[in-house]
Amino acid sequence: MIIDEIKKQNMFALKNKDSIARTAYSVLINKYMLMEIEKRTIGESMQDTDTVKIIQKVSKELIEEAENYKKVGHLDTYENTLKQKELLEAYLPKMLSEQEIKNIVLSLPDKSVPAVMKHFKENYLGKCDMGLVNKALREV
């Protein structure tokens, strides 16, 4: 599982005193554990897709955080935050391009918004930006 590799990298960062990587991995592991507890209470188990969702969410949070640091002039912290984002995004699956999304939308028999969104959530969750799917759907 993805989380196992992240835990190994976290230990490696700890041993090498890499505070940037350690911070990124620790935040991710903590959010994973929280979601794992939530899922366990309802009788479900964690999947790699859940880990991908967490990575995407943390990545978006880091982008917002970096922009805020840039606005107030903390360029060193801004760069560190971007490095953390890059470390985490290395664990994301290859994202579909806008053209690939359009091709998939065109190949679907039912091009209604609910049907297309359902198809992408079931088959491509974590592999595409749903905003791009919506944009591609409007253009078709």
C-alpha atoms as a PDB file:
ATOM      1  CA  MET A   1       0.000   0.000   0.000  1.00  0.00           C
ATOM      2  CA  ILE A   2       1.023   3.593  -0.560  1.00  0.00           C
ATOM      3  CA  ILE A   3       0.928   4.424   3.140  1.00  0.00           C
ATOM      4  CA  ASP A   4       3.543   1.757   3.911  1.00  0.00           C
ATOM      5  CA  GLU A   5       6.011   3.410   1.529  1.00  0.00           C
ATOM      6  CA  ILE A   6       5.215   6.817   3.044  1.00  0.00           C
ATOM      7  CA  LYS A   7       5.881   5.468   6.549  1.00  0.00           C
ATOM      8  CA  LYS A   8       9.244   4.087   5.380  1.00  0.00           C
ATOM      9  CA  GLN A   9      10.150   7.446   3.849  1.00  0.00           C
ATOM     10  CA  ASN A  10       9.088   9.170   7.070  1.00  0.00           C
ATOM     11  CA  MET A  11      11.504   7.007   9.069  1.00  0.00           C
ATOM     12  CA  PHE A  12      14.234   7.683   6.502  1.00  0.00           C
ATOM     13  CA  ALA A  13      13.599  11.439   6.787  1.00  0.00           C
ATOM     14  CA  LEU A  14      13.722  11.175  10.575  1.00  0.00           C
ATOM     15  CA  LYS A  15      17.078   9.372  10.467  1.00  0.00           C
ATOM     16  CA  ASN A  16      18.493  11.893   7.991  1.00  0.00           C
ATOM     17  CA  LYS A  17      17.127  14.868   9.939  1.00  0.00           C
ATOM     18  CA  ASP A  18      15.221  16.082   6.871  1.00  0.00           C
ATOM     19  CA  SER A  19      12.682  18.323   8.583  1.00  0.00           C
ATOM     20  CA  ILE A  20      10.885  19.310   5.366  1.00  0.00           C
ATOM     21  CA  ALA A  21      10.160  15.713   4.354  1.00  0.00           C
ATOM     22  CA  ARG A  22       9.430  14.694   7.934  1.00  0.00           C
ATOM     23  CA  THR A  23       6.816  17.424   8.292  1.00  0.00           C
ATOM     24  CA  ALA A  24       5.090  16.492   5.032  1.00  0.00           C
ATOM     25  CA  TYR A  25       5.018  12.769   5.758  1.00  0.00           C
ATOM     26  CA  SER A  26       3.938  13.245   9.383  1.00  0.00           C
ATOM     27  CA  VAL A  27       0.952  15.381   8.402  1.00  0.00           C
ATOM     28  CA  LEU A  28      -0.071  12.801   5.830  1.00  0.00           C
ATOM     29  CA  ILE A  29       0.313   9.866   8.233  1.00  0.00           C
ATOM     30  CA  ASN A  30      -1.718  11.683  10.909  1.00  0.00           C
ATOM     31  CA  LYS A  31      -4.564  12.410   8.483  1.00  0.00           C
ATOM     32  CA  TYR A  32      -4.433   8.785   7.311  1.00  0.00           C
ATOM     33  CA  MET A  33      -4.728   7.526  10.891  1.00  0.00           C
ATOM     34  CA  LEU A  34      -7.689   9.809  11.573  1.00  0.00           C
ATOM     35  CA  MET A  35      -9.496   8.557   8.483  1.00  0.00           C
ATOM     36  CA  GLU A  36      -8.622   4.972   9.387  1.00  0.00           C
ATOM     37  CA  ILE A  37     -10.256   5.407  12.798  1.00  0.00           C
ATOM     38  CA  GLU A  38     -13.368   6.930  11.198  1.00  0.00           C
ATOM     39  CA  LYS A  39     -13.622   4.063   8.720  1.00  0.00           C
ATOM     40  CA  ARG A  40     -13.043   1.434  11.389  1.00  0.00           C
ATOM     41  CA  THR A  41     -15.980   2.783  13.428  1.00  0.00           C
ATOM     42  CA  ILE A  42     -18.314   2.184  10.477  1.00  0.00           C
ATOM     43  CA  GLY A  43     -16.798  -1.209   9.675  1.00  0.00           C
ATOM     44  CA  GLU A  44     -14.808  -0.307   6.567  1.00  0.00           C
ATOM     45  CA  SER A  45     -11.107  -0.616   5.816  1.00  0.00           C
ATOM     46  CA  MET A  46      -8.719   1.820   4.192  1.00  0.00           C
ATOM     47  CA  GLN A  47      -7.872   1.482   0.511  1.00  0.00           C
ATOM     48  CA  ASP A  48      -5.187   3.089  -1.629  1.00  0.00           C
ATOM     49  CA  THR A  49      -7.883   5.320  -3.144  1.00  0.00           C
ATOM     50  CA  ASP A  50      -8.474   6.762   0.332  1.00  0.00           C
ATOM     51  CA  THR A  51      -4.760   7.467   0.651  1.00  0.00           C
ATOM     52  CA  VAL A  52      -4.781   9.182  -2.754  1.00  0.00           C
ATOM     53  CA  LYS A  53      -7.694  11.378  -1.625  1.00  0.00           C
ATOM     54  CA  ILE A  54      -5.761  12.358   1.493  1.00  0.00           C
ATOM     55  CA  ILE A  55      -2.636  13.182  -0.533  1.00  0.00           C
ATOM     56  CA  GLN A  56      -4.681  15.314  -2.933  1.00  0.00           C
ATOM     57  CA  LYS A  57      -6.339  17.159  -0.060  1.00  0.00           C
ATOM     58  CA  VAL A  58      -3.051  17.802   1.753  1.00  0.00           C
ATOM     59  CA  SER A  59      -1.465  18.898  -1.529  1.00  0.00           C
ATOM     60  CA  LYS A  60      -4.212  21.480  -2.093  1.00  0.00           C
ATOM     61  CA  GLU A  61      -3.809  22.697   1.492  1.00  0.00           C
ATOM     62  CA  LEU A  62      -0.062  23.080   0.943  1.00  0.00           C
ATOM     63  CA  ILE A  63      -0.656  25.117  -2.224  1.00  0.00           C
ATOM     64  CA  GLU A  64      -2.933  27.501  -0.314  1.00  0.00           C
ATOM     65  CA  GLU A  65      -0.446  27.664   2.542  1.00  0.00           C
ATOM     66  CA  ALA A  66       2.425  28.410   0.144  1.00  0.00           C
ATOM     67  CA  GLU A  67       0.480  31.218  -1.521  1.00  0.00           C
ATOM     68  CA  ASN A  68      -0.221  32.763   1.877  1.00  0.00           C
ATOM     69  CA  TYR A  69       3.476  32.625   2.781  1.00  0.00           C
ATOM     70  CA  LYS A  70       4.346  34.245  -0.536  1.00  0.00           C
ATOM     71  CA  LYS A  71       1.842  37.073   0.053  1.00  0.00           C
ATOM     72  CA  VAL A  72       3.373  37.956   3.416  1.00  0.00           C
ATOM     73  CA  GLY A  73       6.939  37.709   2.117  1.00  0.00           C
ATOM     74  CA  HIS A  74       8.144  34.494   3.794  1.00  0.00           C
ATOM     75  CA  LEU A  75       9.906  33.137   0.712  1.00  0.00           C
ATOM     76  CA  ASP A  76      11.956  30.509   2.564  1.00  0.00           C
ATOM     77  CA  THR A  77       8.818  28.992   4.104  1.00  0.00           C
ATOM     78  CA  TYR A  78       7.077  29.320   0.726  1.00  0.00           C
ATOM     79  CA  GLU A  79       9.811  27.238  -0.937  1.00  0.00           C
ATOM     80  CA  ASN A  80       9.764  24.638   1.856  1.00  0.00           C
ATOM     81  CA  THR A  81       6.007  24.263   1.503  1.00  0.00           C
ATOM     82  CA  LEU A  82       6.334  23.731  -2.250  1.00  0.00           C
ATOM     83  CA  LYS A  83       9.005  21.071  -1.609  1.00  0.00           C
ATOM     84  CA  GLN A  84       6.614  19.301   0.764  1.00  0.00           C
ATOM     85  CA  LYS A  85       3.913  19.363  -1.901  1.00  0.00           C
ATOM     86  CA  GLU A  86       6.292  17.869  -4.477  1.00  0.00           C
ATOM     87  CA  LEU A  87       7.290  15.095  -2.064  1.00  0.00           C
ATOM     88  CA  LEU A  88       3.668  14.105  -1.522  1.00  0.00           C
ATOM     89  CA  GLU A  89       2.604  14.389  -5.155  1.00  0.00           C
ATOM     90  CA  ALA A  90       5.223  11.789  -6.076  1.00  0.00           C
ATOM     91  CA  TYR A  91       2.822   9.223  -4.563  1.00  0.00           C
ATOM     92  CA  LEU A  92      -0.142  10.239  -6.705  1.00  0.00           C
ATOM     93  CA  PRO A  93      -1.039   8.150  -9.747  1.00  0.00           C
ATOM     94  CA  LYS A  94      -0.508   9.683 -13.180  1.00  0.00           C
ATOM     95  CA  MET A  95      -3.334  12.133 -13.747  1.00  0.00           C
ATOM     96  CA  LEU A  96      -5.400  12.055 -16.922  1.00  0.00           C
ATOM     97  CA  SER A  97      -4.833  14.971 -19.257  1.00  0.00           C
ATOM     98  CA  GLU A  98      -7.672  17.199 -20.405  1.00  0.00           C
ATOM     99  CA  GLN A  99      -7.580  15.577 -23.857  1.00  0.00           C
ATOM    100  CA  GLU A 100      -7.766  12.060 -22.374  1.00  0.00           C
ATOM    101  CA  ILE A 101     -10.754  13.125 -20.283  1.00  0.00           C
ATOM    102  CA  LYS A 102     -12.485  14.559 -23.378  1.00  0.00           C
ATOM    103  CA  ASN A 103     -11.880  11.309 -25.272  1.00  0.00           C
ATOM    104  CA  ILE A 104     -13.408   9.283 -22.434  1.00  0.00           C
ATOM    105  CA  VAL A 105     -16.426  11.620 -22.270  1.00  0.00           C
ATOM    106  CA  LEU A 106     -16.927  11.308 -26.037  1.00  0.00           C
ATOM    107  CA  SER A 107     -16.790   7.514 -25.828  1.00  0.00           C
ATOM    108  CA  LEU A 108     -19.564   7.340 -23.223  1.00  0.00           C
ATOM    109  CA  PRO A 109     -23.052   6.534 -24.531  1.00  0.00           C
ATOM    110  CA  ASP A 110     -24.793   8.755 -21.946  1.00  0.00           C
ATOM    111  CA  LYS A 111     -23.263  12.223 -21.823  1.00  0.00           C
ATOM    112  CA  SER A 112     -25.535  13.659 -19.133  1.00  0.00           C
ATOM    113  CA  VAL A 113     -23.718  15.357 -16.273  1.00  0.00           C
ATOM    114  CA  PRO A 114     -24.754  12.883 -13.541  1.00  0.00           C
ATOM    115  CA  ALA A 115     -23.885   9.846 -15.671  1.00  0.00           C
ATOM    116  CA  VAL A 116     -20.470  11.179 -16.686  1.00  0.00           C
ATOM    117  CA  MET A 117     -19.562  12.279 -13.160  1.00  0.00           C
ATOM    118  CA  LYS A 118     -20.648   8.904 -11.766  1.00  0.00           C
ATOM    119  CA  HIS A 119     -18.548   7.099 -14.395  1.00  0.00           C
ATOM    120  CA  PHE A 120     -15.423   9.088 -13.516  1.00  0.00           C
ATOM    121  CA  LYS A 121     -15.935   8.717  -9.760  1.00  0.00           C
ATOM    122  CA  GLU A 122     -16.317   4.950 -10.106  1.00  0.00           C
ATOM    123  CA  ASN A 123     -13.549   4.299 -12.632  1.00  0.00           C
ATOM    124  CA  TYR A 124     -11.035   7.152 -12.413  1.00  0.00           C
ATOM    125  CA  LEU A 125     -11.190   8.356  -8.823  1.00  0.00           C
ATOM    126  CA  GLY A 126      -7.857   9.889  -7.891  1.00  0.00           C
ATOM    127  CA  LYS A 127      -6.639   9.759 -11.486  1.00  0.00           C
ATOM    128  CA  CYS A 128      -8.379  12.884 -12.726  1.00  0.00           C
ATOM    129  CA  ASP A 129      -9.373  16.307 -11.539  1.00  0.00           C
ATOM    130  CA  MET A 130     -13.166  16.402 -11.370  1.00  0.00           C
ATOM    131  CA  GLY A 131     -13.028  20.104 -12.264  1.00  0.00           C
ATOM    132  CA  LEU A 132     -11.392  19.150 -15.569  1.00  0.00           C
ATOM    133  CA  VAL A 133     -14.075  16.513 -16.121  1.00  0.00           C
ATOM    134  CA  ASN A 134     -16.776  19.133 -15.617  1.00  0.00           C
ATOM    135  CA  LYS A 135     -14.982  21.543 -17.964  1.00  0.00           C
ATOM    136  CA  ALA A 136     -14.530  18.852 -20.643  1.00  0.00           C
ATOM    137  CA  LEU A 137     -18.185  17.891 -20.328  1.00  0.00           C
ATOM    138  CA  ARG A 138     -19.306  21.481 -20.899  1.00  0.00           C
ATOM    139  CA  GLU A 139     -17.092  21.757 -23.986  1.00  0.00           C
ATOM    140  CA  VAL A 140     -18.443  18.566 -25.571  1.00  0.00           C
END
